[in-house]
Every structure is written in C-alpha cells, then in structure tokens.
C-alpha cells in the first residue's frame, strides 16, 4: 500500500509521455495539400451518391496526397469495380487503393 501512490504516479507519467507516439501522422506537406485531399474525398463521395450502381453508404473514402483509399463493403465485384472507376475519374486523383470487401 505504501508504494501504490508512487507506482500510480510513475505509470501516469509514463502513459502521458508515450501517448503522443500513438497519434496518427498524416504526413501532409502543406495545408494546401490537406485541402486538396479533402476536396477529392468530397468529390468521390458525391460521385458515389449520384451513381446508382454504388452504395455510397457502404464505402468509406479517404485521401492522402492524391491517393484515394476505398474501404468498406460491396454487394458484388461490379460494384467494387465501379467504385474504383468513379474514384479514378475525379480530378486530382493520382492513384486508387481499392480495399473494398465483397459480401454485404
């Protein structure tokens, strides 16, 4: 019991110093590239919403330095392929990583 308070204090200090290492690093070179990525993500999501062959609510879109990451679920291979084609068609997209899983 005598060493409980110092042990908790040491654990707290250790946790606080290690916590920043768990933060996600977007590695963006500038605010401009972050804004460009946000615009690309919005445009891809808008295309999904307009297209009847893609379930926009089942597919997540993230963009980093012009590379679009698609994830989530597609009903079939055609929907997965259409999502990738739509993403490639957005201005500013450099590459598309399609990690959509079939089956929902």
PDB file of N, CA and C in Angstrom:
ATOM      1  N   UNK A   1       0.824  -1.181   0.000  1.00  0.00           N
ATOM      2  CA  UNK A   1       0.000   0.000   0.000  1.00  0.00           C
ATOM      3  C   UNK A   1       0.873   1.252   0.000  1.00  0.00           C
ATOM      4  N   UNK A   2       2.036   1.144   0.644  1.00  0.00           N
ATOM      5  CA  UNK A   2       2.930   2.282   0.768  1.00  0.00           C
ATOM      6  C   UNK A   2       3.466   2.714  -0.595  1.00  0.00           C
ATOM      7  N   UNK A   3       3.650   1.762  -1.497  1.00  0.00           N
ATOM      8  CA  UNK A   3       4.230   2.057  -2.804  1.00  0.00           C
ATOM      9  C   UNK A   3       3.180   2.234  -3.899  1.00  0.00           C
ATOM     10  N   UNK A   4       1.921   2.165  -3.542  1.00  0.00           N
ATOM     11  CA  UNK A   4       0.849   2.271  -4.526  1.00  0.00           C
ATOM     12  C   UNK A   4       0.805   3.659  -5.172  1.00  0.00           C
ATOM     13  N   UNK A   5       0.855   4.709  -4.383  1.00  0.00           N
ATOM     14  CA  UNK A   5       0.795   6.069  -4.926  1.00  0.00           C
ATOM     15  C   UNK A   5       1.976   6.366  -5.849  1.00  0.00           C
ATOM     16  N   UNK A   6       3.227   6.052  -5.460  1.00  0.00           N
ATOM     17  CA  UNK A   6       4.342   6.296  -6.381  1.00  0.00           C
ATOM     18  C   UNK A   6       4.246   5.451  -7.659  1.00  0.00           C
ATOM     19  N   UNK A   7       3.725   4.241  -7.536  1.00  0.00           N
ATOM     20  CA  UNK A   7       3.580   3.385  -8.718  1.00  0.00           C
ATOM     21  C   UNK A   7       2.558   3.965  -9.682  1.00  0.00           C
ATOM     22  N   UNK A   8       1.443   4.445  -9.149  1.00  0.00           N
ATOM     23  CA  UNK A   8       0.411   5.062  -9.992  1.00  0.00           C
ATOM     24  C   UNK A   8       0.956   6.327 -10.641  1.00  0.00           C
ATOM     25  N   UNK A   9       1.700   7.124  -9.890  1.00  0.00           N
ATOM     26  CA  UNK A   9       2.300   8.341 -10.432  1.00  0.00           C
ATOM     27  C   UNK A   9       3.271   8.008 -11.561  1.00  0.00           C
ATOM     28  N   UNK A  10       4.119   7.018 -11.347  1.00  0.00           N
ATOM     29  CA  UNK A  10       5.086   6.625 -12.375  1.00  0.00           C
ATOM     30  C   UNK A  10       4.376   6.119 -13.624  1.00  0.00           C
ATOM     31  N   UNK A  11       3.328   5.324 -13.444  1.00  0.00           N
ATOM     32  CA  UNK A  11       2.564   4.811 -14.580  1.00  0.00           C
ATOM     33  C   UNK A  11       1.882   5.947 -15.335  1.00  0.00           C
ATOM     34  N   UNK A  12       1.345   6.913 -14.605  1.00  0.00           N
ATOM     35  CA  UNK A  12       0.693   8.065 -15.236  1.00  0.00           C
ATOM     36  C   UNK A  12       1.682   8.878 -16.059  1.00  0.00           C
ATOM     37  N   UNK A  13       2.843   9.158 -15.491  1.00  0.00           N
ATOM     38  CA  UNK A  13       3.866   9.928 -16.208  1.00  0.00           C
ATOM     39  C   UNK A  13       4.307   9.173 -17.454  1.00  0.00           C
ATOM     40  N   UNK A  14       4.519   7.884 -17.328  1.00  0.00           N
ATOM     41  CA  UNK A  14       4.927   7.070 -18.474  1.00  0.00           C
ATOM     42  C   UNK A  14       3.860   7.097 -19.565  1.00  0.00           C
ATOM     43  N   UNK A  15       2.589   6.952 -19.178  1.00  0.00           N
ATOM     44  CA  UNK A  15       1.490   6.946 -20.142  1.00  0.00           C
ATOM     45  C   UNK A  15       1.398   8.270 -20.887  1.00  0.00           C
ATOM     46  N   UNK A  16       1.523   9.364 -20.158  1.00  0.00           N
ATOM     47  CA  UNK A  16       1.423  10.691 -20.775  1.00  0.00           C
ATOM     48  C   UNK A  16       2.571  10.928 -21.749  1.00  0.00           C
ATOM     49  N   UNK A  17       3.760  10.469 -21.416  1.00  0.00           N
ATOM     50  CA  UNK A  17       4.895  10.688 -22.318  1.00  0.00           C
ATOM     51  C   UNK A  17       4.825   9.792 -23.546  1.00  0.00           C
ATOM     52  N   UNK A  18       4.179   8.654 -23.460  1.00  0.00           N
ATOM     53  CA  UNK A  18       4.090   7.734 -24.593  1.00  0.00           C
ATOM     54  C   UNK A  18       2.885   8.004 -25.487  1.00  0.00           C
ATOM     55  N   UNK A  19       1.885   8.690 -24.987  1.00  0.00           N
ATOM     56  CA  UNK A  19       0.662   8.929 -25.727  1.00  0.00           C
ATOM     57  C   UNK A  19       0.869   9.631 -27.064  1.00  0.00           C
ATOM     58  N   UNK A  20       1.710  10.645 -27.182  1.00  0.00           N
ATOM     59  CA  UNK A  20       1.902  11.284 -28.488  1.00  0.00           C
ATOM     60  C   UNK A  20       2.408  10.322 -29.565  1.00  0.00           C
ATOM     61  N   UNK A  21       3.088   9.292 -29.184  1.00  0.00           N
ATOM     62  CA  UNK A  21       3.560   8.310 -30.158  1.00  0.00           C
ATOM     63  C   UNK A  21       2.438   7.515 -30.785  1.00  0.00           C
ATOM     64  N   UNK A  22       1.267   7.541 -30.174  1.00  0.00           N
ATOM     65  CA  UNK A  22       0.112   6.818 -30.702  1.00  0.00           C
ATOM     66  C   UNK A  22      -0.697   7.668 -31.675  1.00  0.00           C
ATOM     67  N   UNK A  23      -0.374   8.933 -31.802  1.00  0.00           N
ATOM     68  CA  UNK A  23      -1.119   9.827 -32.678  1.00  0.00           C
ATOM     69  C   UNK A  23      -0.889   9.466 -34.138  1.00  0.00           C
ATOM     70  N   UNK A  24      -1.915   9.702 -34.942  1.00  0.00           N
ATOM     71  CA  UNK A  24      -1.822   9.430 -36.372  1.00  0.00           C
ATOM     72  C   UNK A  24      -1.096  10.576 -37.049  1.00  0.00           C
ATOM     73  N   UNK A  25      -0.148  10.252 -37.876  1.00  0.00           N
ATOM     74  CA  UNK A  25       0.594  11.259 -38.628  1.00  0.00           C
ATOM     75  C   UNK A  25       0.124  11.243 -40.071  1.00  0.00           C
ATOM     76  N   UNK A  26      -0.454  12.337 -40.531  1.00  0.00           N
ATOM     77  CA  UNK A  26      -0.949  12.406 -41.906  1.00  0.00           C
ATOM     78  C   UNK A  26       0.179  12.707 -42.887  1.00  0.00           C
ATOM     79  N   UNK A  27       1.298  13.210 -42.407  1.00  0.00           N
ATOM     80  CA  UNK A  27       2.448  13.486 -43.257  1.00  0.00           C
ATOM     81  C   UNK A  27       2.081  14.343 -44.462  1.00  0.00           C
ATOM     82  N   UNK A  28       1.283  15.363 -44.256  1.00  0.00           N
ATOM     83  CA  UNK A  28       0.923  16.292 -45.317  1.00  0.00           C
ATOM     84  C   UNK A  28       2.017  17.336 -45.424  1.00  0.00           C
ATOM     85  N   UNK A  29       2.371  17.703 -46.628  1.00  0.00           N
ATOM     86  CA  UNK A  29       3.433  18.674 -46.805  1.00  0.00           C
ATOM     87  C   UNK A  29       2.951  20.102 -46.570  1.00  0.00           C
ATOM     88  N   UNK A  30       1.647  20.344 -46.723  1.00  0.00           N
ATOM     89  CA  UNK A  30       1.143  21.698 -46.529  1.00  0.00           C
ATOM     90  C   UNK A  30      -0.354  21.674 -46.252  1.00  0.00           C
ATOM     91  N   UNK A  31      -0.845  22.824 -45.824  1.00  0.00           N
ATOM     92  CA  UNK A  31      -2.284  22.971 -45.620  1.00  0.00           C
ATOM     93  C   UNK A  31      -2.999  22.831 -46.959  1.00  0.00           C
ATOM     94  N   UNK A  32      -2.362  23.328 -48.019  1.00  0.00           N
ATOM     95  CA  UNK A  32      -2.953  23.236 -49.350  1.00  0.00           C
ATOM     96  C   UNK A  32      -3.200  21.803 -49.782  1.00  0.00           C
ATOM     97  N   UNK A  33      -2.249  20.914 -49.511  1.00  0.00           N
ATOM     98  CA  UNK A  33      -2.443  19.515 -49.907  1.00  0.00           C
ATOM     99  C   UNK A  33      -3.533  18.864 -49.064  1.00  0.00           C
ATOM    100  N   UNK A  34      -3.666  19.284 -47.807  1.00  0.00           N
ATOM    101  CA  UNK A  34      -4.748  18.769 -46.968  1.00  0.00           C
ATOM    102  C   UNK A  34      -6.098  19.193 -47.542  1.00  0.00           C
ATOM    103  N   UNK A  35      -6.193  20.447 -47.968  1.00  0.00           N
ATOM    104  CA  UNK A  35      -7.436  20.953 -48.557  1.00  0.00           C
ATOM    105  C   UNK A  35      -7.724  20.244 -49.872  1.00  0.00           C
ATOM    106  N   UNK A  36      -6.698  20.025 -50.698  1.00  0.00           N
ATOM    107  CA  UNK A  36      -6.880  19.291 -51.951  1.00  0.00           C
ATOM    108  C   UNK A  36      -7.405  17.885 -51.685  1.00  0.00           C
ATOM    109  N   UNK A  37      -6.836  17.212 -50.693  1.00  0.00           N
ATOM    110  CA  UNK A  37      -7.279  15.863 -50.349  1.00  0.00           C
ATOM    111  C   UNK A  37      -8.731  15.856 -49.881  1.00  0.00           C
ATOM    112  N   UNK A  38      -9.106  16.854 -49.094  1.00  0.00           N
ATOM    113  CA  UNK A  38     -10.489  16.949 -48.618  1.00  0.00           C
ATOM    114  C   UNK A  38     -11.445  17.169 -49.788  1.00  0.00           C
ATOM    115  N   UNK A  39     -11.031  17.978 -50.759  1.00  0.00           N
ATOM    116  CA  UNK A  39     -11.862  18.227 -51.940  1.00  0.00           C
ATOM    117  C   UNK A  39     -12.014  16.957 -52.772  1.00  0.00           C
ATOM    118  N   UNK A  40     -10.944  16.197 -52.913  1.00  0.00           N
ATOM    119  CA  UNK A  40     -11.001  14.935 -53.662  1.00  0.00           C
ATOM    120  C   UNK A  40     -11.948  13.963 -52.966  1.00  0.00           C
ATOM    121  N   UNK A  41     -11.817  13.829 -51.659  1.00  0.00           N
ATOM    122  CA  UNK A  41     -12.690  12.927 -50.902  1.00  0.00           C
ATOM    123  C   UNK A  41     -14.151  13.307 -51.086  1.00  0.00           C
ATOM    124  N   UNK A  42     -14.443  14.595 -50.997  1.00  0.00           N
ATOM    125  CA  UNK A  42     -15.809  15.080 -51.171  1.00  0.00           C
ATOM    126  C   UNK A  42     -16.322  14.789 -52.574  1.00  0.00           C
ATOM    127  N   UNK A  43     -15.484  15.001 -53.583  1.00  0.00           N
ATOM    128  CA  UNK A  43     -15.894  14.754 -54.967  1.00  0.00           C
ATOM    129  C   UNK A  43     -16.157  13.271 -55.220  1.00  0.00           C
ATOM    130  N   UNK A  44     -15.325  12.407 -54.670  1.00  0.00           N
ATOM    131  CA  UNK A  44     -15.530  10.960 -54.841  1.00  0.00           C
ATOM    132  C   UNK A  44     -16.835  10.543 -54.172  1.00  0.00           C
ATOM    133  N   UNK A  45     -17.071  11.024 -52.954  1.00  0.00           N
ATOM    134  CA  UNK A  45     -18.313  10.689 -52.254  1.00  0.00           C
ATOM    135  C   UNK A  45     -19.536  11.195 -53.013  1.00  0.00           C
ATOM    136  N   UNK A  46     -19.420  12.373 -53.615  1.00  0.00           N
ATOM    137  CA  UNK A  46     -20.528  12.922 -54.400  1.00  0.00           C
ATOM    138  C   UNK A  46     -20.811  12.054 -55.619  1.00  0.00           C
ATOM    139  N   UNK A  47     -19.764  11.588 -56.282  1.00  0.00           N
ATOM    140  CA  UNK A  47     -19.955  10.691 -57.431  1.00  0.00           C
ATOM    141  C   UNK A  47     -20.629   9.394 -57.008  1.00  0.00           C
ATOM    142  N   UNK A  48     -20.225   8.867 -55.861  1.00  0.00           N
ATOM    143  CA  UNK A  48     -20.856   7.644 -55.357  1.00  0.00           C
ATOM    144  C   UNK A  48     -22.341   7.884 -55.086  1.00  0.00           C
ATOM    145  N   UNK A  49     -22.675   9.028 -54.508  1.00  0.00           N
ATOM    146  CA  UNK A  49     -24.063   9.341 -54.179  1.00  0.00           C
ATOM    147  C   UNK A  49     -24.922   9.497 -55.431  1.00  0.00           C
ATOM    148  N   UNK A  50     -24.330  10.022 -56.507  1.00  0.00           N
ATOM    149  CA  UNK A  50     -25.061  10.226 -57.760  1.00  0.00           C
ATOM    150  C   UNK A  50     -25.229   8.937 -58.554  1.00  0.00           C
ATOM    151  N   UNK A  51     -24.315   8.012 -58.399  1.00  0.00           N
ATOM    152  CA  UNK A  51     -24.306   6.783 -59.193  1.00  0.00           C
ATOM    153  C   UNK A  51     -25.170   5.715 -58.526  1.00  0.00           C
ATOM    154  N   UNK A  52     -26.065   5.116 -59.295  1.00  0.00           N
ATOM    155  CA  UNK A  52     -26.985   4.115 -58.746  1.00  0.00           C
ATOM    156  C   UNK A  52     -26.348   2.737 -58.610  1.00  0.00           C
ATOM    157  N   UNK A  53     -25.152   2.528 -59.190  1.00  0.00           N
ATOM    158  CA  UNK A  53     -24.517   1.209 -59.135  1.00  0.00           C
ATOM    159  C   UNK A  53     -23.601   1.045 -57.926  1.00  0.00           C
ATOM    160  N   UNK A  54     -23.439   2.119 -57.145  1.00  0.00           N
ATOM    161  CA  UNK A  54     -22.540   2.082 -55.988  1.00  0.00           C
ATOM    162  C   UNK A  54     -23.318   2.492 -54.738  1.00  0.00           C
ATOM    163  N   UNK A  55     -23.232   1.675 -53.691  1.00  0.00           N
ATOM    164  CA  UNK A  55     -23.878   2.002 -52.410  1.00  0.00           C
ATOM    165  C   UNK A  55     -22.952   2.934 -51.624  1.00  0.00           C
ATOM    166  N   UNK A  56     -23.218   4.222 -51.731  1.00  0.00           N
ATOM    167  CA  UNK A  56     -22.333   5.233 -51.139  1.00  0.00           C
ATOM    168  C   UNK A  56     -22.192   5.083 -49.630  1.00  0.00           C
ATOM    169  N   UNK A  57     -23.205   4.585 -48.967  1.00  0.00           N
ATOM    170  CA  UNK A  57     -23.155   4.483 -47.507  1.00  0.00           C
ATOM    171  C   UNK A  57     -22.335   3.288 -47.023  1.00  0.00           C
ATOM    172  N   UNK A  58     -22.025   2.365 -47.921  1.00  0.00           N
ATOM    173  CA  UNK A  58     -21.270   1.167 -47.527  1.00  0.00           C
ATOM    174  C   UNK A  58     -19.778   1.272 -47.810  1.00  0.00           C
ATOM    175  N   UNK A  59     -19.365   2.359 -48.479  1.00  0.00           N
ATOM    176  CA  UNK A  59     -17.963   2.503 -48.879  1.00  0.00           C
ATOM    177  C   UNK A  59     -17.382   3.772 -48.262  1.00  0.00           C
ATOM    178  N   UNK A  60     -16.256   3.618 -47.588  1.00  0.00           N
ATOM    179  CA  UNK A  60     -15.556   4.758 -46.995  1.00  0.00           C
ATOM    180  C   UNK A  60     -14.494   5.267 -47.961  1.00  0.00           C
ATOM    181  N   UNK A  61     -14.282   6.572 -47.942  1.00  0.00           N
ATOM    182  CA  UNK A  61     -13.305   7.204 -48.829  1.00  0.00           C
ATOM    183  C   UNK A  61     -12.361   8.055 -47.990  1.00  0.00           C
ATOM    184  N   UNK A  62     -11.066   7.846 -48.160  1.00  0.00           N
ATOM    185  CA  UNK A  62     -10.043   8.672 -47.527  1.00  0.00           C
ATOM    186  C   UNK A  62      -9.013   9.022 -48.588  1.00  0.00           C
ATOM    187  N   UNK A  63      -8.429  10.210 -48.481  1.00  0.00           N
ATOM    188  CA  UNK A  63      -7.439  10.646 -49.458  1.00  0.00           C
ATOM    189  C   UNK A  63      -6.212  11.173 -48.738  1.00  0.00           C
ATOM    190  N   UNK A  64      -5.042  10.784 -49.223  1.00  0.00           N
ATOM    191  CA  UNK A  64      -3.781  11.276 -48.684  1.00  0.00           C
ATOM    192  C   UNK A  64      -2.828  11.526 -49.840  1.00  0.00           C
ATOM    193  N   UNK A  65      -2.459  12.787 -50.016  1.00  0.00           N
ATOM    194  CA  UNK A  65      -1.550  13.196 -51.094  1.00  0.00           C
ATOM    195  C   UNK A  65      -2.025  12.727 -52.467  1.00  0.00           C
ATOM    196  N   UNK A  66      -3.326  12.810 -52.707  1.00  0.00           N
ATOM    197  CA  UNK A  66      -3.888  12.454 -54.005  1.00  0.00           C
ATOM    198  C   UNK A  66      -4.179  10.979 -54.197  1.00  0.00           C
ATOM    199  N   UNK A  67      -3.806  10.146 -53.242  1.00  0.00           N
ATOM    200  CA  UNK A  67      -4.100   8.716 -53.327  1.00  0.00           C
ATOM    201  C   UNK A  67      -5.375   8.440 -52.539  1.00  0.00           C
ATOM    202  N   UNK A  68      -6.360   7.878 -53.228  1.00  0.00           N
ATOM    203  CA  UNK A  68      -7.659   7.602 -52.625  1.00  0.00           C
ATOM    204  C   UNK A  68      -7.682   6.167 -52.112  1.00  0.00           C
ATOM    205  N   UNK A  69      -8.123   5.993 -50.875  1.00  0.00           N
ATOM    206  CA  UNK A  69      -8.293   4.670 -50.284  1.00  0.00           C
ATOM    207  C   UNK A  69      -9.783   4.394 -50.163  1.00  0.00           C
ATOM    208  N   UNK A  70     -10.226   3.332 -50.816  1.00  0.00           N
ATOM    209  CA  UNK A  70     -11.613   2.897 -50.724  1.00  0.00           C
ATOM    210  C   UNK A  70     -11.670   1.682 -49.816  1.00  0.00           C
ATOM    211  N   UNK A  71     -12.576   1.700 -48.855  1.00  0.00           N
ATOM    212  CA  UNK A  71     -12.747   0.549 -47.969  1.00  0.00           C
ATOM    213  C   UNK A  71     -14.227   0.407 -47.649  1.00  0.00           C
ATOM    214  N   UNK A  72     -14.580  -0.739 -47.129  1.00  0.00           N
ATOM    215  CA  UNK A  72     -15.979  -0.997 -46.811  1.00  0.00           C
ATOM    216  C   UNK A  72     -16.448  -2.256 -47.509  1.00  0.00           C
ATOM    217  N   UNK A  73     -17.735  -2.286 -47.846  1.00  0.00           N
ATOM    218  CA  UNK A  73     -18.329  -3.489 -48.412  1.00  0.00           C
ATOM    219  C   UNK A  73     -19.061  -3.193 -49.713  1.00  0.00           C
ATOM    220  N   UNK A  74     -18.978  -4.142 -50.647  1.00  0.00           N
ATOM    221  CA  UNK A  74     -19.715  -4.074 -51.910  1.00  0.00           C
ATOM    222  C   UNK A  74     -20.540  -5.345 -52.049  1.00  0.00           C
ATOM    223  N   UNK A  75     -21.678  -5.225 -52.723  1.00  0.00           N
ATOM    224  CA  UNK A  75     -22.546  -6.387 -52.919  1.00  0.00           C
ATOM    225  C   UNK A  75     -21.943  -7.392 -53.887  1.00  0.00           C
ATOM    226  N   UNK A  76     -21.179  -6.870 -54.862  1.00  0.00           N
ATOM    227  CA  UNK A  76     -20.594  -7.757 -55.872  1.00  0.00           C
ATOM    228  C   UNK A  76     -19.357  -7.102 -56.487  1.00  0.00           C
ATOM    229  N   UNK A  77     -18.687  -7.855 -57.358  1.00  0.00           N
ATOM    230  CA  UNK A  77     -17.449  -7.366 -57.980  1.00  0.00           C
ATOM    231  C   UNK A  77     -17.704  -6.165 -58.885  1.00  0.00           C
ATOM    232  N   UNK A  78     -18.871  -6.112 -59.502  1.00  0.00           N
ATOM    233  CA  UNK A  78     -19.198  -4.985 -60.384  1.00  0.00           C
ATOM    234  C   UNK A  78     -19.267  -3.686 -59.594  1.00  0.00           C
ATOM    235  N   UNK A  79     -19.898  -3.730 -58.431  1.00  0.00           N
ATOM    236  CA  UNK A  79     -19.977  -2.527 -57.594  1.00  0.00           C
ATOM    237  C   UNK A  79     -18.584  -2.085 -57.150  1.00  0.00           C
ATOM    238  N   UNK A  80     -17.745  -3.038 -56.781  1.00  0.00           N
ATOM    239  CA  UNK A  80     -16.372  -2.734 -56.367  1.00  0.00           C
ATOM    240  C   UNK A  80     -15.605  -2.071 -57.508  1.00  0.00           C
ATOM    241  N   UNK A  81     -15.730  -2.619 -58.708  1.00  0.00           N
ATOM    242  CA  UNK A  81     -15.035  -2.088 -59.879  1.00  0.00           C
ATOM    243  C   UNK A  81     -15.561  -0.694 -60.242  1.00  0.00           C
ATOM    244  N   UNK A  82     -16.890  -0.515 -60.180  1.00  0.00           N
ATOM    245  CA  UNK A  82     -17.478   0.788 -60.497  1.00  0.00           C
ATOM    246  C   UNK A  82     -17.017   1.867 -59.519  1.00  0.00           C
ATOM    247  N   UNK A  83     -16.899   1.511 -58.254  1.00  0.00           N
ATOM    248  CA  UNK A  83     -16.423   2.475 -57.254  1.00  0.00           C
ATOM    249  C   UNK A  83     -15.009   2.931 -57.591  1.00  0.00           C
ATOM    250  N   UNK A  84     -14.167   1.991 -57.978  1.00  0.00           N
ATOM    251  CA  UNK A  84     -12.790   2.337 -58.334  1.00  0.00           C
ATOM    252  C   UNK A  84     -12.746   3.224 -59.577  1.00  0.00           C
ATOM    253  N   UNK A  85     -13.548   2.893 -60.578  1.00  0.00           N
ATOM    254  CA  UNK A  85     -13.590   3.710 -61.802  1.00  0.00           C
ATOM    255  C   UNK A  85     -14.065   5.127 -61.506  1.00  0.00           C
ATOM    256  N   UNK A  86     -15.097   5.249 -60.687  1.00  0.00           N
ATOM    257  CA  UNK A  86     -15.607   6.576 -60.336  1.00  0.00           C
ATOM    258  C   UNK A  86     -14.545   7.397 -59.611  1.00  0.00           C
ATOM    259  N   UNK A  87     -13.818   6.767 -58.706  1.00  0.00           N
ATOM    260  CA  UNK A  87     -12.765   7.472 -57.968  1.00  0.00           C
ATOM    261  C   UNK A  87     -11.651   7.920 -58.906  1.00  0.00           C
ATOM    262  N   UNK A  88     -11.253   7.052 -59.834  1.00  0.00           N
ATOM    263  CA  UNK A  88     -10.203   7.413 -60.796  1.00  0.00           C
ATOM    264  C   UNK A  88     -10.610   8.614 -61.651  1.00  0.00           C
ATOM    265  N   UNK A  89     -11.910   8.784 -61.869  1.00  0.00           N
ATOM    266  CA  UNK A  89     -12.398   9.856 -62.726  1.00  0.00           C
ATOM    267  C   UNK A  89     -12.413  11.233 -62.087  1.00  0.00           C
ATOM    268  N   UNK A  90     -12.102  11.324 -60.824  1.00  0.00           N
ATOM    269  CA  UNK A  90     -12.125  12.616 -60.121  1.00  0.00           C
ATOM    270  C   UNK A  90     -10.811  13.356 -60.363  1.00  0.00           C
ATOM    271  N   UNK A  91     -10.937  14.641 -60.675  1.00  0.00           N
ATOM    272  CA  UNK A  91      -9.757  15.474 -60.927  1.00  0.00           C
ATOM    273  C   UNK A  91      -8.872  15.526 -59.683  1.00  0.00           C
ATOM    274  N   UNK A  92      -7.579  15.329 -59.884  1.00  0.00           N
ATOM    275  CA  UNK A  92      -6.618  15.396 -58.793  1.00  0.00           C
ATOM    276  C   UNK A  92      -6.236  14.047 -58.209  1.00  0.00           C
ATOM    277  N   UNK A  93      -6.967  12.995 -58.587  1.00  0.00           N
ATOM    278  CA  UNK A  93      -6.659  11.658 -58.075  1.00  0.00           C
ATOM    279  C   UNK A  93      -5.428  11.120 -58.791  1.00  0.00           C
ATOM    280  N   UNK A  94      -4.415  10.751 -58.012  1.00  0.00           N
ATOM    281  CA  UNK A  94      -3.183  10.193 -58.575  1.00  0.00           C
ATOM    282  C   UNK A  94      -3.224   8.671 -58.616  1.00  0.00           C
ATOM    283  N   UNK A  95      -3.858   8.068 -57.616  1.00  0.00           N
ATOM    284  CA  UNK A  95      -3.949   6.609 -57.535  1.00  0.00           C
ATOM    285  C   UNK A  95      -5.144   6.242 -56.670  1.00  0.00           C
ATOM    286  N   UNK A  96      -5.619   5.012 -56.855  1.00  0.00           N
ATOM    287  CA  UNK A  96      -6.721   4.497 -56.046  1.00  0.00           C
ATOM    288  C   UNK A  96      -6.313   3.149 -55.470  1.00  0.00           C
ATOM    289  N   UNK A  97      -6.433   3.026 -54.156  1.00  0.00           N
ATOM    290  CA  UNK A  97      -6.218   1.737 -53.484  1.00  0.00           C
ATOM    291  C   UNK A  97      -7.597   1.203 -53.124  1.00  0.00           C
ATOM    292  N   UNK A  98      -7.970   0.114 -53.756  1.00  0.00           N
ATOM    293  CA  UNK A  98      -9.302  -0.443 -53.568  1.00  0.00           C
ATOM    294  C   UNK A  98      -9.241  -1.605 -52.584  1.00  0.00           C
ATOM    295  N   UNK A  99      -9.649  -1.349 -51.356  1.00  0.00           N
ATOM    296  CA  UNK A  99      -9.670  -2.384 -50.321  1.00  0.00           C
ATOM    297  C   UNK A  99     -11.101  -2.747 -49.941  1.00  0.00           C
ATOM    298  N   UNK A 100     -12.013  -2.564 -50.888  1.00  0.00           N
ATOM    299  CA  UNK A 100     -13.415  -2.909 -50.664  1.00  0.00           C
ATOM    300  C   UNK A 100     -13.538  -4.428 -50.605  1.00  0.00           C
ATOM    301  N   UNK A 101     -14.320  -4.902 -49.645  1.00  0.00           N
ATOM    302  CA  UNK A 101     -14.534  -6.335 -49.447  1.00  0.00           C
ATOM    303  C   UNK A 101     -15.914  -6.704 -49.993  1.00  0.00           C
ATOM    304  N   UNK A 102     -15.998  -7.821 -50.669  1.00  0.00           N
ATOM    305  CA  UNK A 102     -17.277  -8.290 -51.197  1.00  0.00           C
ATOM    306  C   UNK A 102     -18.068  -9.000 -50.107  1.00  0.00           C
ATOM    307  N   UNK A 103     -19.383  -8.788 -50.153  1.00  0.00           N
ATOM    308  CA  UNK A 103     -20.193  -9.604 -49.290  1.00  0.00           C
ATOM    309  C   UNK A 103     -21.209  -8.968 -48.387  1.00  0.00           C
ATOM    310  N   UNK A 104     -21.552  -7.721 -48.518  1.00  0.00           N
ATOM    311  CA  UNK A 104     -22.592  -7.184 -47.640  1.00  0.00           C
ATOM    312  C   UNK A 104     -23.786  -6.761 -48.438  1.00  0.00           C
TER     313      UNK A 104
END
